[in-house]
């Protein structure tokens, strides 16, 4: 065991970078599902099936994506690299 009093302490700058990376992961997740919902909505429209539910789901995903991108812009740019 070490006697370091800062053991387990994460500097504030590292936390900001980490939170920005977390936002990027969420943005990617939302973008993936927005593309999936777009394809499903277009397919439902082309095949003349009811697509209102899919279109509303797509709208919700796009609004969430827009909100996450706006929140991500407020965070500082990633300048540090991740250490293993």
Protein backbone atom coordinates (compact mmCIF):
# COMPACT_ATOMS: atom_id res chain seq x y z
CA UNK A 1 0.00 0.00 0.00
CA UNK A 2 1.16 3.53 -0.63
CA UNK A 3 1.03 6.40 1.79
CA UNK A 4 0.14 8.90 -0.92
CA UNK A 5 -2.62 11.22 0.42
CA UNK A 6 -3.84 11.87 -3.15
CA UNK A 7 -4.37 8.22 -3.96
CA UNK A 8 -7.45 7.90 -6.13
CA UNK A 9 -7.71 11.68 -6.59
CA UNK A 10 -8.41 12.81 -10.16
CA UNK A 11 -7.32 16.36 -11.07
CA UNK A 12 -10.09 18.75 -12.13
CA UNK A 13 -8.68 19.13 -15.64
CA UNK A 14 -8.76 15.39 -16.17
CA UNK A 15 -12.40 15.24 -15.05
CA UNK A 16 -13.39 17.92 -17.59
CA UNK A 17 -11.70 16.05 -20.41
CA UNK A 18 -13.31 12.81 -19.28
CA UNK A 19 -16.76 14.38 -19.18
CA UNK A 20 -16.27 15.68 -22.72
CA UNK A 21 -15.36 12.18 -23.84
CA UNK A 22 -18.50 10.85 -22.17
CA UNK A 23 -20.56 13.38 -24.11
CA UNK A 24 -18.90 12.23 -27.33
CA UNK A 25 -19.88 8.63 -26.58
CA UNK A 26 -23.50 9.63 -25.94
CA UNK A 27 -23.54 11.74 -29.12
CA UNK A 28 -22.28 8.80 -31.14
CA UNK A 29 -24.88 6.50 -29.61
CA UNK A 30 -27.70 8.95 -30.39
CA UNK A 31 -26.41 9.52 -33.93
CA UNK A 32 -26.35 5.78 -34.61
CA UNK A 33 -29.95 5.34 -33.51
CA UNK A 34 -31.02 8.46 -35.43
CA UNK A 35 -29.62 6.90 -38.62
CA UNK A 36 -31.37 3.60 -37.84
CA UNK A 37 -34.67 5.40 -37.25
CA UNK A 38 -34.22 7.43 -40.44
CA UNK A 39 -33.76 4.26 -42.50
CA UNK A 40 -36.79 2.61 -40.86
CA UNK A 41 -38.94 5.72 -41.36
CA UNK A 42 -38.01 6.02 -45.03
CA UNK A 43 -38.64 2.30 -45.56
CA UNK A 44 -42.05 2.53 -43.90
CA UNK A 45 -42.97 5.53 -46.07
CA UNK A 46 -41.81 3.84 -49.28
CA UNK A 47 -43.76 0.68 -48.51
CA UNK A 48 -46.87 2.71 -47.61
CA UNK A 49 -47.00 1.54 -44.00
CA UNK A 50 -47.80 3.76 -41.00
CA UNK A 51 -44.63 5.65 -40.12
CA UNK A 52 -45.83 8.28 -37.65
CA UNK A 53 -44.43 6.48 -34.59
CA UNK A 54 -41.05 5.95 -36.26
CA UNK A 55 -40.97 9.57 -37.40
CA UNK A 56 -41.72 10.80 -33.87
CA UNK A 57 -38.99 8.56 -32.52
CA UNK A 58 -36.61 10.02 -35.09
CA UNK A 59 -37.63 13.53 -34.07
CA UNK A 60 -36.97 12.71 -30.40
CA UNK A 61 -33.54 11.25 -31.25
CA UNK A 62 -32.61 14.30 -33.34
CA UNK A 63 -33.71 16.72 -30.62
CA UNK A 64 -31.71 14.80 -28.03
CA UNK A 65 -28.70 14.77 -30.37
CA UNK A 66 -28.99 18.51 -30.94
CA UNK A 67 -29.17 19.14 -27.19
CA UNK A 68 -26.14 16.97 -26.50
CA UNK A 69 -24.07 18.71 -29.19
CA UNK A 70 -24.97 22.09 -27.71
CA UNK A 71 -23.98 20.92 -24.23
CA UNK A 72 -20.75 19.43 -25.58
CA UNK A 73 -19.73 22.76 -27.12
CA UNK A 74 -19.70 24.36 -23.67
CA UNK A 75 -17.05 21.94 -22.43
CA UNK A 76 -13.37 22.60 -23.09
CA UNK A 77 -11.73 20.97 -26.10
CA UNK A 78 -9.98 17.67 -25.52
CA UNK A 79 -6.28 18.41 -25.11
CA UNK A 80 -5.10 15.51 -23.00
CA UNK A 81 -4.71 11.95 -24.15
CA UNK A 82 -6.09 9.01 -22.30
CA UNK A 83 -3.55 7.08 -20.24
CA UNK A 84 -3.77 3.33 -19.89
